[in-house]
Amino acid sequence: MLTQEDIRTFLNIKNYDLRISGNGRWIDQKCAADVVTVVADCIMNFGFAHKNEFFTTLDVWHYDYTVENVEAIFRKPGVEHISAKNEYDKFFQQPMEMLAYSGVLRKEKRGSRNYYAIANADVLEYIALRERNALFFLRTYIECVLRDSGIYHLFEDFFRLQTKDSYADMKQGYADFIMQHTKINGAVECNRIFIKVLNPLAYYNHSCGTEKGRMSEQPITYDMLMYNRNNFRDIYANKPKGITRKEYAAEHSAEVNDAYYHYQSAKAKRFLRIFNDQTRNGKTEHLDGIHINDRAIHMHHIFPETEFPEICSYLENIIALTPTQHLGYAHPNGRTLEINNAYQHLLLLSKADRIQENLNSATVEHIYDFSNLLYVLNIGFDDDDILDIADMDFASVVNAINVHYASV
C-alpha cells in the first residue's frame, strides 16, 4: 500500500498545466471523494478480472461487482435500467476522465468513444481503499494542477484573507482562466465545477470555501465534500446532553443508507489488514502475551456493526486480532452476535495504545484521528462527556474507558 508521500511523488513528476493541455474536464462535478473511491474500486475489480484490457465506462458499470454495489450505495436506478444511462455515464465518465488526466489511467480515443486502461495499479488501489485516501489524492492533484497552471496564488490569497472580496477575485480569476485556456466557454459551467476545485483545498486549509455559489459561512467540513451527505453525525448533531442515542434516534428518525456504511466497513477492514501487515508484520493489535506470534488475520469491530452501524467504518473501532482472540475471546465460543464485555474493555485499551503509537510516530503514516476515537467512544458508551476530552489526552481516554467498565 502506498503512502501519502508516494502519492505526492507520483503527482509531482507530471506537468498538469492547463495552458498546455487545454483540458477543461481535468476535474468535474461527480468527482467527490466517495464517488471517486467507488469508481476506482469498480475499475480495480474489473481490471483484476480482465488483465491488460482496455475498457469503456459501459464495461465498468455493467460489470457484476459494480451492479452489486453501486445501486445500493448511491441509491440510483439499477445500472441496467434504461433511465440510468445519462446519470451513470456522468457518474463513471467524469472520475475516469480525472483519473486519466492525472495519469492513473491511460486513455485512447477510438472513433467517438473513449477507452481506458490501468496505468498505475498501485495508485488506483490507494484511491480505491477508502474515502480519505481518495480525498487526499484529489486535494494533492488539484493543488498540482493549479500550481502547474500558474493560478494557485488566487487560492492562496483567499485562504490567507478569507474575505468576500478575495473569494470573488479567486472565483472570477479561475473562471476567466478556464474560459481562456480550455473549451469551456461559459461562467455557469465554470462555477459548477469550481466547488470541486476549491472545497477539498479549503478542508485541508481549515478554511471557508464555497456553498450555493457563495463563500461558505463556516469552514468546509468533511461531510460537505461527499456525494452521500446524509450521515449519522448529521442526525446526532443537535442531540442535547442527557438524552440517550437510542432515545434521540427514535424521536428524530432519518433515512440512513445502511448499504453504504456496510460497504465502507468492508473496505475499512481491508485497509487495516493491509496496513497492519505492512507496518506491524501482521501481529495482533492486542498484545496479550499469549498469541503474540500468531497472524492477525481477523479484523474485529470492537463495538458491533449490527448495533453501531454509525461507527462501523471507523478504523478507530476496528482492531486486528488472531482467529483465537476473535472467535475464542471477543465472541465467546465463536458466537459472533455475542460480545464479551470484559474482553471488549481490554480491546479498547489496546486500540487506544495503537492509535497513540500511530499518531506519535514520525515514520509511519498517520491513519487515525483523535477526534474519531472520541466519537467512537461517545457512540459506543452513549456518553457525551467523552467529547469534552482535550485533543491527544490519551490518559483521559484510558480513564474514561476504565470508568465505563467499572460500572458495567
Protein backbone atom coordinates (compact mmCIF):
# COMPACT_ATOMS: atom_id res chain seq x y z
CA MET A 1 0.00 0.00 0.00
CA LEU A 2 1.33 3.42 -0.96
CA THR A 3 1.81 6.30 1.44
CA GLN A 4 0.84 9.95 1.11
CA GLU A 5 4.44 10.74 0.18
CA ASP A 6 4.22 8.20 -2.66
CA ILE A 7 1.11 9.99 -3.94
CA ARG A 8 2.88 13.36 -3.80
CA THR A 9 5.82 11.90 -5.72
CA PHE A 10 3.54 10.38 -8.37
CA LEU A 11 1.73 13.67 -8.95
CA ASN A 12 4.72 15.99 -8.71
CA ILE A 13 6.66 14.38 -11.55
CA LYS A 14 3.92 15.24 -14.07
CA ASN A 15 3.05 18.55 -15.70
CA TYR A 16 -0.66 19.32 -15.50
CA ASP A 17 -0.52 22.84 -16.98
CA LEU A 18 -3.98 23.51 -18.44
CA ARG A 19 -2.49 26.18 -20.70
CA ILE A 20 -0.73 23.34 -22.50
CA SER A 21 -3.38 20.61 -22.37
CA GLY A 22 -6.45 22.82 -22.77
CA ASN A 23 -8.35 20.19 -20.76
CA GLY A 24 -11.31 21.83 -19.03
CA ARG A 25 -12.51 18.43 -17.74
CA TRP A 26 -9.48 17.70 -15.60
CA ILE A 27 -12.00 17.55 -12.74
CA ASP A 28 -15.78 17.63 -12.80
CA GLN A 29 -18.99 17.71 -10.78
CA LYS A 30 -19.09 13.99 -9.94
CA CYS A 31 -15.52 13.95 -8.63
CA ALA A 32 -16.43 13.82 -4.95
CA ALA A 33 -14.17 11.62 -2.83
CA ASP A 34 -16.81 8.99 -2.10
CA VAL A 35 -17.71 8.70 -5.79
CA VAL A 36 -14.08 8.59 -6.89
CA THR A 37 -13.17 5.84 -4.40
CA VAL A 38 -16.13 3.69 -5.50
CA VAL A 39 -15.37 4.17 -9.21
CA ALA A 40 -11.71 3.35 -8.57
CA ASP A 41 -12.80 0.24 -6.66
CA CYS A 42 -15.03 -0.86 -9.54
CA ILE A 43 -12.25 -0.26 -12.08
CA MET A 44 -9.77 -2.18 -9.93
CA ASN A 45 -12.10 -5.17 -9.61
CA PHE A 46 -12.83 -5.10 -13.35
CA GLY A 47 -9.10 -4.88 -14.05
CA PHE A 48 -8.31 -7.92 -11.90
CA ALA A 49 -10.79 -9.96 -13.94
CA HIS A 50 -9.69 -8.56 -17.32
CA LYS A 51 -5.91 -8.28 -17.22
CA ASN A 52 -4.28 -5.71 -19.52
CA GLU A 53 -7.52 -4.94 -21.33
CA PHE A 54 -8.79 -1.55 -22.42
CA PHE A 55 -12.31 -0.80 -21.24
CA THR A 56 -15.07 1.76 -21.56
CA THR A 57 -17.37 3.30 -18.97
CA LEU A 58 -20.04 0.84 -20.14
CA ASP A 59 -17.77 -2.12 -19.44
CA VAL A 60 -17.17 -0.97 -15.86
CA TRP A 61 -20.71 -0.02 -14.96
CA HIS A 62 -22.19 -3.26 -16.32
CA TYR A 63 -19.60 -5.38 -14.51
CA ASP A 64 -21.12 -7.69 -11.86
CA TYR A 65 -19.23 -6.10 -8.95
CA THR A 66 -20.48 -2.64 -9.94
CA VAL A 67 -24.07 -3.79 -10.38
CA GLU A 68 -23.95 -5.39 -6.94
CA ASN A 69 -22.61 -2.33 -5.13
CA VAL A 70 -23.34 0.98 -6.80
CA GLU A 71 -27.14 0.86 -6.90
CA ALA A 72 -27.36 0.14 -3.16
CA ILE A 73 -24.57 2.50 -2.16
CA PHE A 74 -25.66 5.56 -4.10
CA ARG A 75 -29.39 4.82 -4.36
CA LYS A 76 -29.56 5.31 -8.07
CA PRO A 77 -31.68 3.40 -10.57
CA GLY A 78 -30.27 -0.04 -11.31
CA VAL A 79 -27.28 0.20 -13.63
CA GLU A 80 -29.17 -1.91 -16.15
CA HIS A 81 -32.22 0.40 -16.07
CA ILE A 82 -32.81 2.35 -19.27
CA SER A 83 -33.38 5.60 -17.38
CA ALA A 84 -29.96 5.36 -15.73
CA LYS A 85 -27.80 5.76 -18.84
CA ASN A 86 -27.18 9.51 -18.69
CA GLU A 87 -26.65 9.58 -14.92
CA TYR A 88 -24.27 6.62 -14.90
CA ASP A 89 -22.40 7.98 -17.88
CA LYS A 90 -21.50 11.06 -15.79
CA PHE A 91 -21.03 9.02 -12.61
CA PHE A 92 -18.30 6.91 -14.21
CA GLN A 93 -17.07 9.07 -17.07
CA GLN A 94 -16.15 12.15 -15.05
CA PRO A 95 -13.99 10.37 -12.42
CA MET A 96 -12.43 8.24 -15.16
CA GLU A 97 -11.52 11.37 -17.12
CA MET A 98 -9.96 12.83 -13.99
CA LEU A 99 -8.02 9.61 -13.35
CA ALA A 100 -6.84 9.60 -16.97
CA TYR A 101 -5.62 13.22 -16.89
CA SER A 102 -3.82 12.57 -13.60
CA GLY A 103 -2.06 9.55 -15.12
CA VAL A 104 -3.68 6.80 -13.04
CA LEU A 105 -5.45 5.54 -16.18
CA ARG A 106 -4.37 5.57 -19.82
CA LYS A 107 -6.84 6.86 -22.38
CA GLU A 108 -7.28 6.22 -26.09
CA LYS A 109 -9.82 7.74 -28.47
CA ARG A 110 -11.31 5.20 -30.85
CA GLY A 111 -13.81 6.89 -33.10
CA SER A 112 -16.20 8.75 -30.80
CA ARG A 113 -15.61 6.53 -27.77
CA ASN A 114 -13.01 6.76 -25.01
CA TYR A 115 -11.14 3.62 -24.00
CA TYR A 116 -9.17 3.35 -20.78
CA ALA A 117 -6.57 1.05 -19.25
CA ILE A 118 -4.97 0.96 -15.80
CA ALA A 119 -1.67 2.87 -15.95
CA ASN A 120 -0.73 2.72 -12.26
CA ALA A 121 -2.41 -0.08 -10.32
CA ASP A 122 -0.81 0.90 -7.00
CA VAL A 123 -2.18 4.45 -7.07
CA LEU A 124 -5.55 3.15 -8.21
CA GLU A 125 -5.63 0.73 -5.27
CA TYR A 126 -4.67 3.55 -2.87
CA ILE A 127 -7.63 5.61 -4.07
CA ALA A 128 -9.98 2.60 -4.01
CA LEU A 129 -9.17 1.58 -0.44
CA ARG A 130 -11.05 4.36 1.37
CA GLU A 131 -12.63 7.80 1.03
CA ARG A 132 -9.87 9.61 2.92
CA ASN A 133 -7.28 8.24 0.52
CA ALA A 134 -9.34 9.46 -2.41
CA LEU A 135 -9.75 12.85 -0.77
CA PHE A 136 -6.00 13.19 -0.15
CA PHE A 137 -5.35 12.25 -3.78
CA LEU A 138 -7.90 14.81 -5.00
CA ARG A 139 -6.51 17.60 -2.83
CA THR A 140 -2.91 16.91 -3.91
CA TYR A 141 -3.90 16.55 -7.58
CA ILE A 142 -5.94 19.77 -7.56
CA GLU A 143 -3.08 21.70 -5.98
CA CYS A 144 -0.62 20.32 -8.56
CA VAL A 145 -2.88 21.30 -11.47
CA LEU A 146 -3.39 24.82 -10.12
CA ARG A 147 0.33 25.32 -9.40
CA ASP A 148 1.39 23.96 -12.79
CA SER A 149 -1.19 26.24 -14.44
CA GLY A 150 0.10 29.31 -12.60
CA ILE A 151 -3.12 30.19 -10.75
CA TYR A 152 -2.65 28.70 -7.30
CA HIS A 153 -1.83 32.17 -5.95
CA LEU A 154 -5.52 33.08 -6.33
CA PHE A 155 -6.42 30.32 -3.88
CA GLU A 156 -3.54 31.11 -1.53
CA ASP A 157 -4.75 34.71 -1.27
CA PHE A 158 -8.26 33.51 -0.41
CA PHE A 159 -7.07 31.06 2.24
CA ARG A 160 -4.97 33.82 3.80
CA LEU A 161 -7.56 36.63 3.70
CA GLN A 162 -10.88 34.72 3.99
CA THR A 163 -12.92 37.72 2.80
CA LYS A 164 -15.79 38.05 0.34
CA ASP A 165 -13.62 40.20 -1.92
CA SER A 166 -10.82 37.62 -2.03
CA TYR A 167 -13.43 34.93 -2.71
CA ALA A 168 -14.88 36.93 -5.62
CA ASP A 169 -11.40 37.60 -7.05
CA MET A 170 -10.48 33.92 -6.83
CA LYS A 171 -13.72 32.69 -8.38
CA GLN A 172 -13.65 35.21 -11.23
CA GLY A 173 -9.95 34.66 -11.83
CA TYR A 174 -10.46 30.91 -12.07
CA ALA A 175 -13.40 31.26 -14.46
CA ASP A 176 -11.50 33.72 -16.68
CA PHE A 177 -8.52 31.36 -16.83
CA ILE A 178 -10.62 28.30 -17.69
CA MET A 179 -12.58 30.12 -20.40
CA GLN A 180 -9.36 31.50 -21.90
CA HIS A 181 -7.39 28.26 -21.99
CA THR A 182 -9.97 25.44 -22.37
CA LYS A 183 -13.04 24.67 -24.44
CA ILE A 184 -15.35 25.57 -21.54
CA ASN A 185 -16.69 28.96 -22.56
CA GLY A 186 -19.39 29.73 -20.02
CA ALA A 187 -19.15 31.06 -16.47
CA VAL A 188 -22.08 28.89 -15.38
CA GLU A 189 -20.21 25.69 -16.25
CA CYS A 190 -17.04 27.00 -14.61
CA ASN A 191 -18.98 27.68 -11.42
CA ARG A 192 -20.49 24.19 -11.38
CA ILE A 193 -17.02 22.67 -11.39
CA PHE A 194 -15.48 25.32 -9.12
CA ILE A 195 -16.89 23.72 -5.94
CA LYS A 196 -14.93 20.51 -6.67
CA VAL A 197 -11.76 22.56 -7.10
CA LEU A 198 -11.97 24.81 -4.05
CA ASN A 199 -13.58 22.80 -1.27
CA PRO A 200 -11.09 19.91 -0.96
CA LEU A 201 -8.34 22.52 -0.64
CA ALA A 202 -10.41 24.53 1.85
CA TYR A 203 -10.98 21.45 4.00
CA TYR A 204 -7.25 20.81 4.34
CA ASN A 205 -6.62 24.52 4.98
CA HIS A 206 -9.30 24.58 7.72
CA SER A 207 -10.91 27.49 5.91
CA CYS A 208 -14.17 28.62 4.40
CA GLY A 209 -14.89 27.51 0.86
CA THR A 210 -17.88 27.78 -1.45
CA GLU A 211 -21.50 26.80 -0.83
CA LYS A 212 -24.54 27.53 -3.02
CA GLY A 213 -22.47 29.79 -5.22
CA ARG A 214 -21.19 31.98 -2.41
CA MET A 215 -18.44 31.96 0.17
CA SER A 216 -19.42 29.49 2.87
CA GLU A 217 -20.24 30.93 6.27
CA GLN A 218 -18.29 28.21 8.08
CA PRO A 219 -15.10 26.25 7.33
CA ILE A 220 -15.63 23.32 4.98
CA THR A 221 -16.27 20.06 6.83
CA TYR A 222 -15.62 16.51 5.66
CA ASP A 223 -19.27 15.64 5.04
CA MET A 224 -19.68 18.70 2.76
CA LEU A 225 -17.21 17.12 0.34
CA MET A 226 -19.19 13.92 -0.10
CA TYR A 227 -21.84 12.95 -2.64
CA ASN A 228 -23.62 10.96 0.11
CA ARG A 229 -24.03 13.78 2.62
CA ASN A 230 -26.66 12.22 4.88
CA ASN A 231 -24.75 10.59 7.72
CA PHE A 232 -25.12 9.70 11.36
CA ARG A 233 -23.18 12.71 12.56
CA ASP A 234 -25.81 14.91 10.91
CA ILE A 235 -28.53 13.03 12.78
CA TYR A 236 -26.88 13.42 16.19
CA ALA A 237 -25.52 16.95 15.64
CA ASN A 238 -28.28 18.61 17.68
CA LYS A 239 -28.76 15.88 20.30
CA PRO A 240 -28.93 17.51 23.76
CA LYS A 241 -26.79 16.08 26.54
CA GLY A 242 -28.69 13.78 28.85
CA ILE A 243 -30.74 12.17 26.08
CA THR A 244 -29.53 8.75 25.04
CA ARG A 245 -28.54 7.97 21.49
CA LYS A 246 -31.41 5.47 21.08
CA GLU A 247 -34.00 7.86 22.51
CA TYR A 248 -32.91 10.68 20.22
CA ALA A 249 -32.80 8.43 17.15
CA ALA A 250 -36.32 7.18 17.89
CA GLU A 251 -37.65 10.75 18.07
CA HIS A 252 -35.67 12.09 15.14
CA SER A 253 -35.70 9.29 12.63
CA ALA A 254 -33.76 9.83 9.44
CA GLU A 255 -33.18 7.68 6.40
CA VAL A 256 -29.68 6.24 6.57
CA ASN A 257 -28.05 4.30 3.76
CA ASP A 258 -27.12 1.07 5.52
CA ALA A 259 -25.67 -0.45 2.34
CA TYR A 260 -23.21 2.42 2.04
CA TYR A 261 -21.98 2.00 5.62
CA HIS A 262 -21.64 -1.75 5.20
CA TYR A 263 -19.60 -1.24 2.02
CA GLN A 264 -17.37 1.30 3.79
CA SER A 265 -16.99 -1.07 6.74
CA ALA A 266 -15.72 -3.85 4.50
CA LYS A 267 -13.22 -1.51 2.88
CA ALA A 268 -12.05 -0.20 6.27
CA LYS A 269 -11.34 -3.77 7.40
CA ARG A 270 -9.40 -4.42 4.22
CA PHE A 271 -7.40 -1.23 4.66
CA LEU A 272 -6.50 -2.03 8.27
CA ARG A 273 -5.47 -5.57 7.33
CA ILE A 274 -3.06 -4.25 4.69
CA PHE A 275 -1.73 -1.51 6.99
CA ASN A 276 -1.20 -3.92 9.88
CA ASP A 277 0.58 -6.40 7.61
CA GLN A 278 2.91 -3.72 6.27
CA THR A 279 3.68 -1.76 9.44
CA ARG A 280 3.38 -4.35 12.21
CA ASN A 281 4.28 -7.56 10.35
CA GLY A 282 0.72 -8.77 10.72
CA LYS A 283 0.90 -9.05 14.51
CA THR A 284 -2.15 -8.75 16.71
CA GLU A 285 -3.02 -5.27 17.96
CA HIS A 286 -3.99 -6.74 21.33
CA LEU A 287 -0.70 -7.72 22.95
CA ASP A 288 -1.86 -10.36 25.41
CA GLY A 289 1.47 -12.17 25.65
CA ILE A 290 -0.13 -15.44 24.53
CA HIS A 291 -0.90 -15.07 20.83
CA ILE A 292 1.82 -12.55 20.02
CA ASN A 293 3.35 -14.75 17.31
CA ASP A 294 0.06 -15.68 15.63
CA ARG A 295 -1.05 -13.84 12.49
CA ALA A 296 -3.78 -11.23 12.99
CA ILE A 297 -5.97 -12.11 10.03
CA HIS A 298 -9.33 -11.15 11.59
CA MET A 299 -10.50 -7.53 11.63
CA HIS A 300 -12.92 -7.16 14.53
CA HIS A 301 -15.43 -4.41 15.30
CA ILE A 302 -14.97 -3.58 18.98
CA PHE A 303 -18.48 -2.10 19.02
CA PRO A 304 -20.50 -4.46 16.78
CA GLU A 305 -21.55 -3.31 13.31
CA THR A 306 -25.10 -4.59 13.76
CA GLU A 307 -25.65 -2.48 16.86
CA PHE A 308 -23.48 0.51 15.99
CA PRO A 309 -23.60 1.00 12.19
CA GLU A 310 -22.69 4.66 12.59
CA ILE A 311 -19.12 3.77 13.61
CA CYS A 312 -18.66 0.55 11.64
CA SER A 313 -16.37 2.18 9.06
CA TYR A 314 -14.14 3.97 11.60
CA LEU A 315 -10.65 2.50 11.84
CA GLU A 316 -10.70 3.57 15.49
CA ASN A 317 -13.42 0.92 16.06
CA ILE A 318 -11.64 -1.93 14.25
CA ILE A 319 -8.81 -3.99 15.73
CA ALA A 320 -6.60 -6.65 14.14
CA LEU A 321 -6.83 -9.92 16.07
CA THR A 322 -5.76 -13.52 15.73
CA PRO A 323 -8.54 -16.02 14.97
CA THR A 324 -8.37 -17.33 18.56
CA GLN A 325 -8.61 -13.84 20.04
CA HIS A 326 -11.53 -13.02 17.78
CA LEU A 327 -13.63 -16.17 17.90
CA GLY A 328 -12.46 -17.54 21.22
CA TYR A 329 -12.45 -14.44 23.41
CA ALA A 330 -14.09 -11.40 21.74
CA HIS A 331 -17.05 -13.54 20.67
CA PRO A 332 -17.49 -16.30 23.29
CA ASN A 333 -17.33 -19.75 21.67
CA GLY A 334 -17.47 -18.20 18.21
CA ARG A 335 -20.99 -16.78 18.68
CA THR A 336 -20.47 -13.62 16.63
CA LEU A 337 -23.68 -11.97 17.85
CA GLU A 338 -22.37 -12.02 21.43
CA ILE A 339 -19.74 -9.73 22.93
CA ASN A 340 -17.51 -10.45 25.93
CA ASN A 341 -17.68 -7.15 27.82
CA ALA A 342 -14.53 -7.81 29.84
CA TYR A 343 -12.58 -8.54 26.68
CA GLN A 344 -14.12 -5.53 24.92
CA HIS A 345 -12.68 -3.42 27.73
CA LEU A 346 -9.19 -4.80 27.10
CA LEU A 347 -9.51 -4.35 23.34
CA LEU A 348 -10.45 -0.68 23.69
CA LEU A 349 -7.39 -0.08 25.88
CA SER A 350 -5.20 -1.85 23.33
CA LYS A 351 -6.72 0.07 20.44
CA ALA A 352 -6.15 3.36 22.27
CA ASP A 353 -2.49 2.36 22.64
CA ARG A 354 -2.18 1.52 18.93
CA ILE A 355 -3.81 4.83 17.97
CA GLN A 356 -1.46 6.75 20.26
CA GLU A 357 1.55 4.94 18.80
CA ASN A 358 0.40 5.76 15.29
CA LEU A 359 -0.31 9.44 15.92
CA ASN A 360 3.01 9.91 17.74
CA SER A 361 5.05 8.11 15.09
CA ALA A 362 7.47 10.14 12.99
CA THR A 363 7.98 7.36 10.42
CA VAL A 364 4.58 5.68 9.90
CA GLU A 365 1.73 7.40 8.08
CA HIS A 366 -0.97 8.58 10.47
CA ILE A 367 -4.20 6.73 9.67
CA TYR A 368 -6.17 7.63 12.79
CA ASP A 369 -7.81 10.79 14.10
CA PHE A 370 -8.08 11.50 17.82
CA SER A 371 -11.48 13.17 17.38
CA ASN A 372 -12.71 10.00 15.67
CA LEU A 373 -11.60 7.95 18.68
CA LEU A 374 -13.66 10.23 20.92
CA TYR A 375 -16.64 9.90 18.58
CA VAL A 376 -16.37 6.09 18.61
CA LEU A 377 -16.33 6.04 22.42
CA ASN A 378 -19.11 8.62 22.56
CA ILE A 379 -21.36 6.41 20.44
CA GLY A 380 -20.25 3.09 21.95
CA PHE A 381 -20.72 4.29 25.54
CA ASP A 382 -23.57 6.72 24.73
CA ASP A 383 -21.65 9.25 26.80
CA ASP A 384 -21.45 12.83 25.52
CA ASP A 385 -18.88 13.82 28.16
CA ILE A 386 -16.29 11.85 26.15
CA LEU A 387 -16.36 14.59 23.53
CA ASP A 388 -15.03 17.11 26.07
CA ILE A 389 -11.67 15.33 26.38
CA ALA A 390 -8.83 17.57 25.21
CA ASP A 391 -7.00 16.77 21.98
CA MET A 392 -4.44 13.96 22.32
CA ASP A 393 -5.24 13.45 26.03
CA PHE A 394 -4.91 9.67 25.97
CA ALA A 395 -4.67 9.47 29.76
CA SER A 396 -8.23 10.81 29.98
CA VAL A 397 -9.34 8.38 27.28
CA VAL A 398 -7.95 5.43 29.25
CA ASN A 399 -9.59 6.75 32.40
CA ALA A 400 -12.96 7.13 30.64
CA ILE A 401 -12.73 3.56 29.33
CA ASN A 402 -11.89 2.17 32.76
CA VAL A 403 -14.66 4.20 34.47
CA HIS A 404 -17.24 2.95 31.98
CA TYR A 405 -16.45 -0.73 32.54
CA ALA A 406 -16.26 -0.29 36.30
CA SER A 407 -20.00 0.34 36.20
CA VAL A 408 -20.90 -2.39 33.69
